[in-house]
């Protein structure tokens, strides 16, 4: 998933998106 890479950048950009992406990334990576 390409979203797994920019999700780290989103952490510094928008913490709100991090919560959503973090949940998706956790499911996608794990």
PDB file of N, CA and C in Angstrom:
ATOM      1  N   UNK A   1       0.838  -1.206   0.000  1.00  0.00           N
ATOM      2  CA  UNK A   1       0.000   0.000   0.000  1.00  0.00           C
ATOM      3  C   UNK A   1       0.874   1.258   0.000  1.00  0.00           C
ATOM      4  N   UNK A   2       0.635   2.147  -0.934  1.00  0.00           N
ATOM      5  CA  UNK A   2       1.418   3.389  -1.036  1.00  0.00           C
ATOM      6  C   UNK A   2       1.107   4.350   0.106  1.00  0.00           C
ATOM      7  N   UNK A   3      -0.032   4.164   0.759  1.00  0.00           N
ATOM      8  CA  UNK A   3      -0.430   5.055   1.855  1.00  0.00           C
ATOM      9  C   UNK A   3       0.399   4.781   3.096  1.00  0.00           C
ATOM     10  N   UNK A   4       1.077   3.639   3.112  1.00  0.00           N
ATOM     11  CA  UNK A   4       1.864   3.273   4.290  1.00  0.00           C
ATOM     12  C   UNK A   4       3.109   4.153   4.392  1.00  0.00           C
ATOM     13  N   UNK A   5       3.522   4.733   3.265  1.00  0.00           N
ATOM     14  CA  UNK A   5       4.721   5.576   3.259  1.00  0.00           C
ATOM     15  C   UNK A   5       4.415   7.011   3.671  1.00  0.00           C
ATOM     16  N   UNK A   6       3.458   7.681   2.995  1.00  0.00           N
ATOM     17  CA  UNK A   6       3.152   9.081   3.317  1.00  0.00           C
ATOM     18  C   UNK A   6       2.472   9.240   4.665  1.00  0.00           C
ATOM     19  N   UNK A   7       2.077   8.144   5.282  1.00  0.00           N
ATOM     20  CA  UNK A   7       1.381   8.239   6.575  1.00  0.00           C
ATOM     21  C   UNK A   7       2.315   8.819   7.623  1.00  0.00           C
ATOM     22  N   UNK A   8       3.602   8.583   7.473  1.00  0.00           N
ATOM     23  CA  UNK A   8       4.584   9.146   8.414  1.00  0.00           C
ATOM     24  C   UNK A   8       4.646  10.659   8.261  1.00  0.00           C
ATOM     25  N   UNK A   9       4.503  11.115   7.032  1.00  0.00           N
ATOM     26  CA  UNK A   9       4.523  12.556   6.771  1.00  0.00           C
ATOM     27  C   UNK A   9       3.253  13.199   7.300  1.00  0.00           C
ATOM     28  N   UNK A  10       2.161  12.444   7.236  1.00  0.00           N
ATOM     29  CA  UNK A  10       0.874  12.953   7.713  1.00  0.00           C
ATOM     30  C   UNK A  10       0.914  13.180   9.213  1.00  0.00           C
ATOM     31  N   UNK A  11       1.777  12.444   9.893  1.00  0.00           N
ATOM     32  CA  UNK A  11       1.894  12.587  11.347  1.00  0.00           C
ATOM     33  C   UNK A  11       2.288  14.012  11.700  1.00  0.00           C
ATOM     34  N   UNK A  12       3.209  14.563  10.918  1.00  0.00           N
ATOM     35  CA  UNK A  12       3.682  15.918  11.185  1.00  0.00           C
ATOM     36  C   UNK A  12       2.729  16.952  10.590  1.00  0.00           C
ATOM     37  N   UNK A  13       1.966  16.510   9.583  1.00  0.00           N
ATOM     38  CA  UNK A  13       1.060  17.438   8.900  1.00  0.00           C
ATOM     39  C   UNK A  13      -0.246  17.608   9.666  1.00  0.00           C
ATOM     40  N   UNK A  14      -0.991  16.521   9.787  1.00  0.00           N
ATOM     41  CA  UNK A  14      -2.272  16.616  10.478  1.00  0.00           C
ATOM     42  C   UNK A  14      -2.439  15.445  11.441  1.00  0.00           C
ATOM     43  N   UNK A  15      -2.468  15.741  12.743  1.00  0.00           N
ATOM     44  CA  UNK A  15      -2.636  14.708  13.770  1.00  0.00           C
ATOM     45  C   UNK A  15      -4.009  14.061  13.679  1.00  0.00           C
ATOM     46  N   UNK A  16      -4.978  14.799  13.131  1.00  0.00           N
ATOM     47  CA  UNK A  16      -6.328  14.247  12.992  1.00  0.00           C
ATOM     48  C   UNK A  16      -6.324  13.110  11.970  1.00  0.00           C
ATOM     49  N   UNK A  17      -5.608  13.345  10.872  1.00  0.00           N
ATOM     50  CA  UNK A  17      -5.518  12.319   9.833  1.00  0.00           C
ATOM     51  C   UNK A  17      -4.690  11.144  10.332  1.00  0.00           C
ATOM     52  N   UNK A  18      -3.753  11.454  11.218  1.00  0.00           N
ATOM     53  CA  UNK A  18      -2.894  10.414  11.774  1.00  0.00           C
ATOM     54  C   UNK A  18      -3.724   9.366  12.498  1.00  0.00           C
ATOM     55  N   UNK A  19      -4.747   9.813  13.185  1.00  0.00           N
ATOM     56  CA  UNK A  19      -5.604   8.895  13.928  1.00  0.00           C
ATOM     57  C   UNK A  19      -6.290   7.933  12.966  1.00  0.00           C
ATOM     58  N   UNK A  20      -6.740   8.473  11.832  1.00  0.00           N
ATOM     59  CA  UNK A  20      -7.423   7.638  10.839  1.00  0.00           C
ATOM     60  C   UNK A  20      -6.421   6.764  10.099  1.00  0.00           C
ATOM     61  N   UNK A  21      -5.350   7.400   9.626  1.00  0.00           N
ATOM     62  CA  UNK A  21      -4.332   6.674   8.873  1.00  0.00           C
ATOM     63  C   UNK A  21      -3.613   5.670   9.767  1.00  0.00           C
ATOM     64  N   UNK A  22      -3.420   6.053  11.020  1.00  0.00           N
ATOM     65  CA  UNK A  22      -2.747   5.168  11.965  1.00  0.00           C
ATOM     66  C   UNK A  22      -3.512   3.869  12.136  1.00  0.00           C
ATOM     67  N   UNK A  23      -4.835   3.991  12.197  1.00  0.00           N
ATOM     68  CA  UNK A  23      -5.670   2.804  12.369  1.00  0.00           C
ATOM     69  C   UNK A  23      -5.629   1.947  11.111  1.00  0.00           C
ATOM     70  N   UNK A  24      -5.685   2.613   9.955  1.00  0.00           N
ATOM     71  CA  UNK A  24      -5.650   1.887   8.682  1.00  0.00           C
ATOM     72  C   UNK A  24      -4.269   1.289   8.447  1.00  0.00           C
ATOM     73  N   UNK A  25      -3.240   2.074   8.780  1.00  0.00           N
ATOM     74  CA  UNK A  25      -1.867   1.621   8.565  1.00  0.00           C
ATOM     75  C   UNK A  25      -1.563   0.412   9.445  1.00  0.00           C
ATOM     76  N   UNK A  26      -2.092   0.446  10.662  1.00  0.00           N
ATOM     77  CA  UNK A  26      -1.852  -0.660  11.589  1.00  0.00           C
ATOM     78  C   UNK A  26      -2.451  -1.947  11.029  1.00  0.00           C
ATOM     79  N   UNK A  27      -3.617  -1.813  10.423  1.00  0.00           N
ATOM     80  CA  UNK A  27      -4.279  -2.984   9.852  1.00  0.00           C
ATOM     81  C   UNK A  27      -3.584  -3.419   8.570  1.00  0.00           C
ATOM     82  N   UNK A  28      -3.078  -2.430   7.829  1.00  0.00           N
ATOM     83  CA  UNK A  28      -2.452  -2.728   6.542  1.00  0.00           C
ATOM     84  C   UNK A  28      -1.064  -3.323   6.747  1.00  0.00           C
ATOM     85  N   UNK A  29      -0.276  -2.709   7.657  1.00  0.00           N
ATOM     86  CA  UNK A  29       1.089  -3.180   7.898  1.00  0.00           C
ATOM     87  C   UNK A  29       1.068  -4.497   8.676  1.00  0.00           C
ATOM     88  N   UNK A  30       0.285  -4.505   9.744  1.00  0.00           N
ATOM     89  CA  UNK A  30       0.218  -5.710  10.562  1.00  0.00           C
ATOM     90  C   UNK A  30      -0.676  -6.733   9.864  1.00  0.00           C
TER      91      UNK A  30
END
